[in-house]
PDB file of all heavy atoms in Angstrom:
ATOM      1  N   GLY A   1       0.820  -1.226   0.015  1.00  0.00           N
ATOM      2  CA  GLY A   1      -0.027   0.015   0.009  1.00  0.00           C
ATOM      3  C   GLY A   1       0.903   1.257   0.013  1.00  0.00           C
ATOM      4  O   GLY A   1       0.553   2.267  -0.689  1.00  0.00           O
ATOM      5  N   TYR A   2       1.946   1.174   0.744  1.00  0.00           N
ATOM      6  CA  TYR A   2       2.886   2.324   0.754  1.00  0.00           C
ATOM      7  C   TYR A   2       3.481   2.585  -0.627  1.00  0.00           C
ATOM      8  O   TYR A   2       3.633   3.676  -1.061  1.00  0.00           O
ATOM      9  CB  TYR A   2       3.983   2.114   1.799  1.00  0.00           C
ATOM     10  CG  TYR A   2       4.907   3.290   1.931  1.00  0.00           C
ATOM     11  CD1 TYR A   2       4.738   4.228   2.929  1.00  0.00           C
ATOM     12  CD2 TYR A   2       6.002   3.494   1.053  1.00  0.00           C
ATOM     13  CE1 TYR A   2       5.569   5.325   3.081  1.00  0.00           C
ATOM     14  CE2 TYR A   2       6.829   4.538   1.089  1.00  0.00           C
ATOM     15  CZ  TYR A   2       6.613   5.484   2.199  1.00  0.00           C
ATOM     16  OH  TYR A   2       7.465   6.592   2.233  1.00  0.00           O
ATOM     17  N   THR A   3       3.936   1.485  -1.252  1.00  0.00           N
ATOM     18  CA  THR A   3       4.571   1.643  -2.564  1.00  0.00           C
ATOM     19  C   THR A   3       3.655   2.159  -3.645  1.00  0.00           C
ATOM     20  O   THR A   3       4.101   2.760  -4.577  1.00  0.00           O
ATOM     21  CB  THR A   3       5.133   0.250  -3.046  1.00  0.00           C
ATOM     22  OG1 THR A   3       4.059  -0.724  -3.263  1.00  0.00           O
ATOM     23  CG2 THR A   3       6.094  -0.348  -2.042  1.00  0.00           C
ATOM     24  N   ILE A   4       2.370   1.923  -3.476  1.00  0.00           N
ATOM     25  CA  ILE A   4       1.457   2.381  -4.524  1.00  0.00           C
ATOM     26  C   ILE A   4       0.994   3.799  -4.309  1.00  0.00           C
ATOM     27  O   ILE A   4       0.469   4.433  -5.184  1.00  0.00           O
ATOM     28  CB  ILE A   4       0.213   1.437  -4.601  1.00  0.00           C
ATOM     29  CG1 ILE A   4      -0.380   1.346  -5.969  1.00  0.00           C
ATOM     30  CG2 ILE A   4      -0.914   1.833  -3.620  1.00  0.00           C
ATOM     31  CD1 ILE A   4      -1.365   0.331  -6.215  1.00  0.00           C
ATOM     32  N   GLY A   5       1.140   4.331  -3.068  1.00  0.00           N
ATOM     33  CA  GLY A   5       0.777   5.691  -2.758  1.00  0.00           C
ATOM     34  C   GLY A   5       1.467   6.750  -3.631  1.00  0.00           C
ATOM     35  O   GLY A   5       0.758   7.587  -4.268  1.00  0.00           O
ATOM     36  N   PRO A   6       2.766   6.743  -3.792  1.00  0.00           N
ATOM     37  CA  PRO A   6       3.485   7.649  -4.666  1.00  0.00           C
ATOM     38  C   PRO A   6       2.998   7.586  -6.147  1.00  0.00           C
ATOM     39  O   PRO A   6       2.906   8.543  -6.820  1.00  0.00           O
ATOM     40  CB  PRO A   6       4.994   7.350  -4.523  1.00  0.00           C
ATOM     41  CG  PRO A   6       5.027   6.771  -3.121  1.00  0.00           C
ATOM     42  CD  PRO A   6       3.780   5.953  -3.011  1.00  0.00           C
ATOM     43  N   LEU A   7       2.757   6.326  -6.594  1.00  0.00           N
ATOM     44  CA  LEU A   7       2.320   6.151  -7.911  1.00  0.00           C
ATOM     45  C   LEU A   7       0.958   6.844  -8.162  1.00  0.00           C
ATOM     46  O   LEU A   7       0.690   7.473  -9.134  1.00  0.00           O
ATOM     47  CB  LEU A   7       2.134   4.636  -8.233  1.00  0.00           C
ATOM     48  CG  LEU A   7       1.706   4.242  -9.628  1.00  0.00           C
ATOM     49  CD1 LEU A   7       2.610   4.751 -10.687  1.00  0.00           C
ATOM     50  CD2 LEU A   7       1.512   2.719  -9.674  1.00  0.00           C
ATOM     51  N   ILE A   8       0.043   6.653  -7.192  1.00  0.00           N
ATOM     52  CA  ILE A   8      -1.253   7.292  -7.321  1.00  0.00           C
ATOM     53  C   ILE A   8      -1.085   8.799  -7.294  1.00  0.00           C
ATOM     54  O   ILE A   8      -1.822   9.542  -7.987  1.00  0.00           O
ATOM     55  CB  ILE A   8      -2.187   6.801  -6.153  1.00  0.00           C
ATOM     56  CG1 ILE A   8      -2.552   5.361  -6.342  1.00  0.00           C
ATOM     57  CG2 ILE A   8      -3.469   7.676  -6.119  1.00  0.00           C
ATOM     58  CD1 ILE A   8      -3.347   4.721  -5.192  1.00  0.00           C
ATOM     59  N   ASN A   9      -0.171   9.279  -6.478  1.00  0.00           N
ATOM     60  CA  ASN A   9       0.088  10.776  -6.377  1.00  0.00           C
ATOM     61  C   ASN A   9       0.523  11.347  -7.706  1.00  0.00           C
ATOM     62  O   ASN A   9       0.114  12.447  -8.054  1.00  0.00           O
ATOM     63  CB  ASN A   9       1.125  11.035  -5.296  1.00  0.00           C
ATOM     64  CG  ASN A   9       0.564  11.737  -4.081  1.00  0.00           C
ATOM     65  OD1 ASN A   9      -0.535  12.266  -4.164  1.00  0.00           O
ATOM     66  ND2 ASN A   9       1.278  11.674  -2.990  1.00  0.00           N
ATOM     67  N   ARG A  10       1.306  10.538  -8.458  1.00  0.00           N
ATOM     68  CA  ARG A  10       1.735  11.055  -9.798  1.00  0.00           C
ATOM     69  C   ARG A  10       0.523  11.194 -10.753  1.00  0.00           C
ATOM     70  O   ARG A  10       0.502  12.169 -11.499  1.00  0.00           O
ATOM     71  CB  ARG A  10       2.772  10.072 -10.333  1.00  0.00           C
ATOM     72  CG  ARG A  10       4.073  10.160  -9.654  1.00  0.00           C
ATOM     73  CD  ARG A  10       5.216   9.624 -10.507  1.00  0.00           C
ATOM     74  NE  ARG A  10       5.144   8.204 -10.791  1.00  0.00           N
ATOM     75  CZ  ARG A  10       5.649   7.268 -10.067  1.00  0.00           C
ATOM     76  NH1 ARG A  10       6.340   7.670  -8.943  1.00  0.00           N
ATOM     77  NH2 ARG A  10       5.518   5.985 -10.320  1.00  0.00           N
ATOM     78  N   TYR A  11      -0.346  10.280 -10.715  1.00  0.00           N
ATOM     79  CA  TYR A  11      -1.577  10.336 -11.546  1.00  0.00           C
ATOM     80  C   TYR A  11      -2.496  11.479 -11.125  1.00  0.00           C
ATOM     81  O   TYR A  11      -3.002  12.171 -11.967  1.00  0.00           O
ATOM     82  CB  TYR A  11      -2.334   9.070 -11.519  1.00  0.00           C
ATOM     83  CG  TYR A  11      -1.641   7.981 -12.392  1.00  0.00           C
ATOM     84  CD1 TYR A  11      -0.698   7.129 -11.920  1.00  0.00           C
ATOM     85  CD2 TYR A  11      -2.084   7.780 -13.755  1.00  0.00           C
ATOM     86  CE1 TYR A  11      -0.082   6.106 -12.702  1.00  0.00           C
ATOM     87  CE2 TYR A  11      -1.493   6.888 -14.577  1.00  0.00           C
ATOM     88  CZ  TYR A  11      -0.516   6.053 -14.048  1.00  0.00           C
ATOM     89  OH  TYR A  11       0.094   5.092 -14.825  1.00  0.00           O
ATOM     90  N   LEU A  12      -2.563  11.665  -9.808  1.00  0.00           N
ATOM     91  CA  LEU A  12      -3.465  12.742  -9.310  1.00  0.00           C
ATOM     92  C   LEU A  12      -2.839  14.066  -9.638  1.00  0.00           C
ATOM     93  O   LEU A  12      -3.558  14.974 -10.053  1.00  0.00           O
ATOM     94  CB  LEU A  12      -3.616  12.564  -7.787  1.00  0.00           C
ATOM     95  CG  LEU A  12      -4.440  11.376  -7.321  1.00  0.00           C
ATOM     96  CD1 LEU A  12      -4.491  11.347  -5.758  1.00  0.00           C
ATOM     97  CD2 LEU A  12      -5.811  11.372  -7.855  1.00  0.00           C
ATOM     98  N   GLY A  13      -1.549  14.156  -9.565  1.00  0.00           N
ATOM     99  CA  GLY A  13      -0.863  15.386  -9.807  1.00  0.00           C
ATOM    100  C   GLY A  13      -0.920  15.766 -11.282  1.00  0.00           C
ATOM    101  O   GLY A  13      -0.831  16.905 -11.656  1.00  0.00           O
ATOM    102  N   ALA A  14      -1.073  14.760 -12.154  1.00  0.00           N
ATOM    103  CA  ALA A  14      -1.178  15.002 -13.610  1.00  0.00           C
ATOM    104  C   ALA A  14      -2.632  15.203 -14.028  1.00  0.00           C
ATOM    105  O   ALA A  14      -2.976  15.242 -15.231  1.00  0.00           O
ATOM    106  CB  ALA A  14      -0.597  13.845 -14.355  1.00  0.00           C
ATOM    107  N   GLY A  15      -3.509  15.276 -13.065  1.00  0.00           N
ATOM    108  CA  GLY A  15      -4.944  15.471 -13.351  1.00  0.00           C
ATOM    109  C   GLY A  15      -5.622  14.223 -13.906  1.00  0.00           C
ATOM    110  O   GLY A  15      -6.607  14.320 -14.648  1.00  0.00           O
ATOM    111  N   MET A  16      -5.088  13.036 -13.523  1.00  0.00           N
ATOM    112  CA  MET A  16      -5.626  11.783 -13.984  1.00  0.00           C
ATOM    113  C   MET A  16      -6.345  10.974 -12.940  1.00  0.00           C
ATOM    114  O   MET A  16      -6.273   9.757 -12.837  1.00  0.00           O
ATOM    115  CB  MET A  16      -4.540  10.939 -14.598  1.00  0.00           C
ATOM    116  CG  MET A  16      -3.885  11.528 -15.780  1.00  0.00           C
ATOM    117  SD  MET A  16      -2.572  10.397 -16.488  1.00  0.00           S
ATOM    118  CE  MET A  16      -2.053  11.367 -17.978  1.00  0.00           C
ATOM    119  N   GLY A  17      -7.059  11.660 -12.057  1.00  0.00           N
ATOM    120  CA  GLY A  17      -7.781  10.986 -10.966  1.00  0.00           C
ATOM    121  C   GLY A  17      -8.830  10.074 -11.419  1.00  0.00           C
ATOM    122  O   GLY A  17      -9.069   9.023 -10.848  1.00  0.00           O
ATOM    123  N   ASP A  18      -9.374  10.407 -12.625  1.00  0.00           N
ATOM    124  CA  ASP A  18     -10.396   9.483 -13.208  1.00  0.00           C
ATOM    125  C   ASP A  18      -9.799   8.170 -13.618  1.00  0.00           C
ATOM    126  O   ASP A  18     -10.493   7.052 -13.515  1.00  0.00           O
ATOM    127  CB  ASP A  18     -11.061  10.130 -14.410  1.00  0.00           C
ATOM    128  CG  ASP A  18     -10.037  10.577 -15.488  1.00  0.00           C
ATOM    129  OD1 ASP A  18      -8.943  10.877 -15.120  1.00  0.00           O
ATOM    130  OD2 ASP A  18     -10.414  10.521 -16.745  1.00  0.00           O
ATOM    131  N   ILE A  19      -8.565   8.147 -14.040  1.00  0.00           N
ATOM    132  CA  ILE A  19      -7.813   6.904 -14.368  1.00  0.00           C
ATOM    133  C   ILE A  19      -7.675   6.035 -13.176  1.00  0.00           C
ATOM    134  O   ILE A  19      -7.821   4.808 -13.259  1.00  0.00           O
ATOM    135  CB  ILE A  19      -6.512   7.246 -15.108  1.00  0.00           C
ATOM    136  CG1 ILE A  19      -6.825   7.754 -16.483  1.00  0.00           C
ATOM    137  CG2 ILE A  19      -5.614   6.038 -15.125  1.00  0.00           C
ATOM    138  CD1 ILE A  19      -5.599   8.159 -17.247  1.00  0.00           C
ATOM    139  N   VAL A  20      -7.346   6.646 -12.028  1.00  0.00           N
ATOM    140  CA  VAL A  20      -7.211   5.893 -10.801  1.00  0.00           C
ATOM    141  C   VAL A  20      -8.503   5.177 -10.457  1.00  0.00           C
ATOM    142  O   VAL A  20      -8.552   3.996 -10.055  1.00  0.00           O
ATOM    143  CB  VAL A  20      -6.757   6.793  -9.554  1.00  0.00           C
ATOM    144  CG1 VAL A  20      -6.690   5.967  -8.314  1.00  0.00           C
ATOM    145  CG2 VAL A  20      -5.409   7.394  -9.920  1.00  0.00           C
ATOM    146  N   VAL A  21      -9.596   5.927 -10.555  1.00  0.00           N
ATOM    147  CA  VAL A  21     -11.005   5.386 -10.315  1.00  0.00           C
ATOM    148  C   VAL A  21     -11.269   4.214 -11.254  1.00  0.00           C
ATOM    149  O   VAL A  21     -11.765   3.179 -10.799  1.00  0.00           O
ATOM    150  CB  VAL A  21     -12.029   6.450 -10.381  1.00  0.00           C
ATOM    151  CG1 VAL A  21     -13.375   5.879 -10.143  1.00  0.00           C
ATOM    152  CG2 VAL A  21     -11.760   7.500  -9.266  1.00  0.00           C
ATOM    153  N   MET A  22     -10.977   4.411 -12.525  1.00  0.00           N
ATOM    154  CA  MET A  22     -11.238   3.378 -13.516  1.00  0.00           C
ATOM    155  C   MET A  22     -10.430   2.180 -13.224  1.00  0.00           C
ATOM    156  O   MET A  22     -10.883   0.963 -13.407  1.00  0.00           O
ATOM    157  CB  MET A  22     -10.975   3.922 -14.941  1.00  0.00           C
ATOM    158  CG  MET A  22     -11.954   4.987 -15.400  1.00  0.00           C
ATOM    159  SD  MET A  22     -11.445   5.727 -16.961  1.00  0.00           S
ATOM    160  CE  MET A  22     -11.472   4.310 -18.085  1.00  0.00           C
ATOM    161  N   ALA A  23      -9.133   2.349 -12.868  1.00  0.00           N
ATOM    162  CA  ALA A  23      -8.274   1.191 -12.590  1.00  0.00           C
ATOM    163  C   ALA A  23      -8.805   0.362 -11.422  1.00  0.00           C
ATOM    164  O   ALA A  23      -8.767  -0.813 -11.373  1.00  0.00           O
ATOM    165  CB  ALA A  23      -6.855   1.632 -12.349  1.00  0.00           C
ATOM    166  N   PHE A  24      -9.211   1.134 -10.364  1.00  0.00           N
ATOM    167  CA  PHE A  24      -9.783   0.519  -9.179  1.00  0.00           C
ATOM    168  C   PHE A  24     -11.053  -0.303  -9.515  1.00  0.00           C
ATOM    169  O   PHE A  24     -11.255  -1.470  -9.129  1.00  0.00           O
ATOM    170  CB  PHE A  24     -10.108   1.525  -8.103  1.00  0.00           C
ATOM    171  CG  PHE A  24     -10.759   0.966  -6.851  1.00  0.00           C
ATOM    172  CD1 PHE A  24     -10.044   0.316  -5.895  1.00  0.00           C
ATOM    173  CD2 PHE A  24     -12.219   1.117  -6.738  1.00  0.00           C
ATOM    174  CE1 PHE A  24     -10.671  -0.242  -4.777  1.00  0.00           C
ATOM    175  CE2 PHE A  24     -12.810   0.580  -5.598  1.00  0.00           C
ATOM    176  CZ  PHE A  24     -12.069  -0.135  -4.684  1.00  0.00           C
ATOM    177  N   ALA A  25     -11.960   0.305 -10.265  1.00  0.00           N
ATOM    178  CA  ALA A  25     -13.217  -0.392 -10.693  1.00  0.00           C
ATOM    179  C   ALA A  25     -12.903  -1.554 -11.575  1.00  0.00           C
ATOM    180  O   ALA A  25     -13.551  -2.631 -11.418  1.00  0.00           O
ATOM    181  CB  ALA A  25     -14.086   0.666 -11.429  1.00  0.00           C
ATOM    182  N   GLY A  26     -11.984  -1.439 -12.444  1.00  0.00           N
ATOM    183  CA  GLY A  26     -11.613  -2.496 -13.328  1.00  0.00           C
ATOM    184  C   GLY A  26     -11.024  -3.725 -12.573  1.00  0.00           C
ATOM    185  O   GLY A  26     -11.340  -4.872 -12.815  1.00  0.00           O
ATOM    186  N   THR A  27     -10.190  -3.388 -11.526  1.00  0.00           N
ATOM    187  CA  THR A  27      -9.587  -4.452 -10.679  1.00  0.00           C
ATOM    188  C   THR A  27     -10.709  -5.218  -9.857  1.00  0.00           C
ATOM    189  O   THR A  27     -10.691  -6.373  -9.770  1.00  0.00           O
ATOM    190  CB  THR A  27      -8.565  -3.821  -9.682  1.00  0.00           C
ATOM    191  OG1 THR A  27      -7.587  -3.129 -10.470  1.00  0.00           O
ATOM    192  CG2 THR A  27      -7.925  -4.897  -8.887  1.00  0.00           C
TER     193      THR A  27
END
């Protein structure tokens, strides 16, 4: 969970929060 936090932050910082949601839903 710690290792995935910075990865999610990069997507959020790039304005790709919708992609994080889609990846979660797909999983």
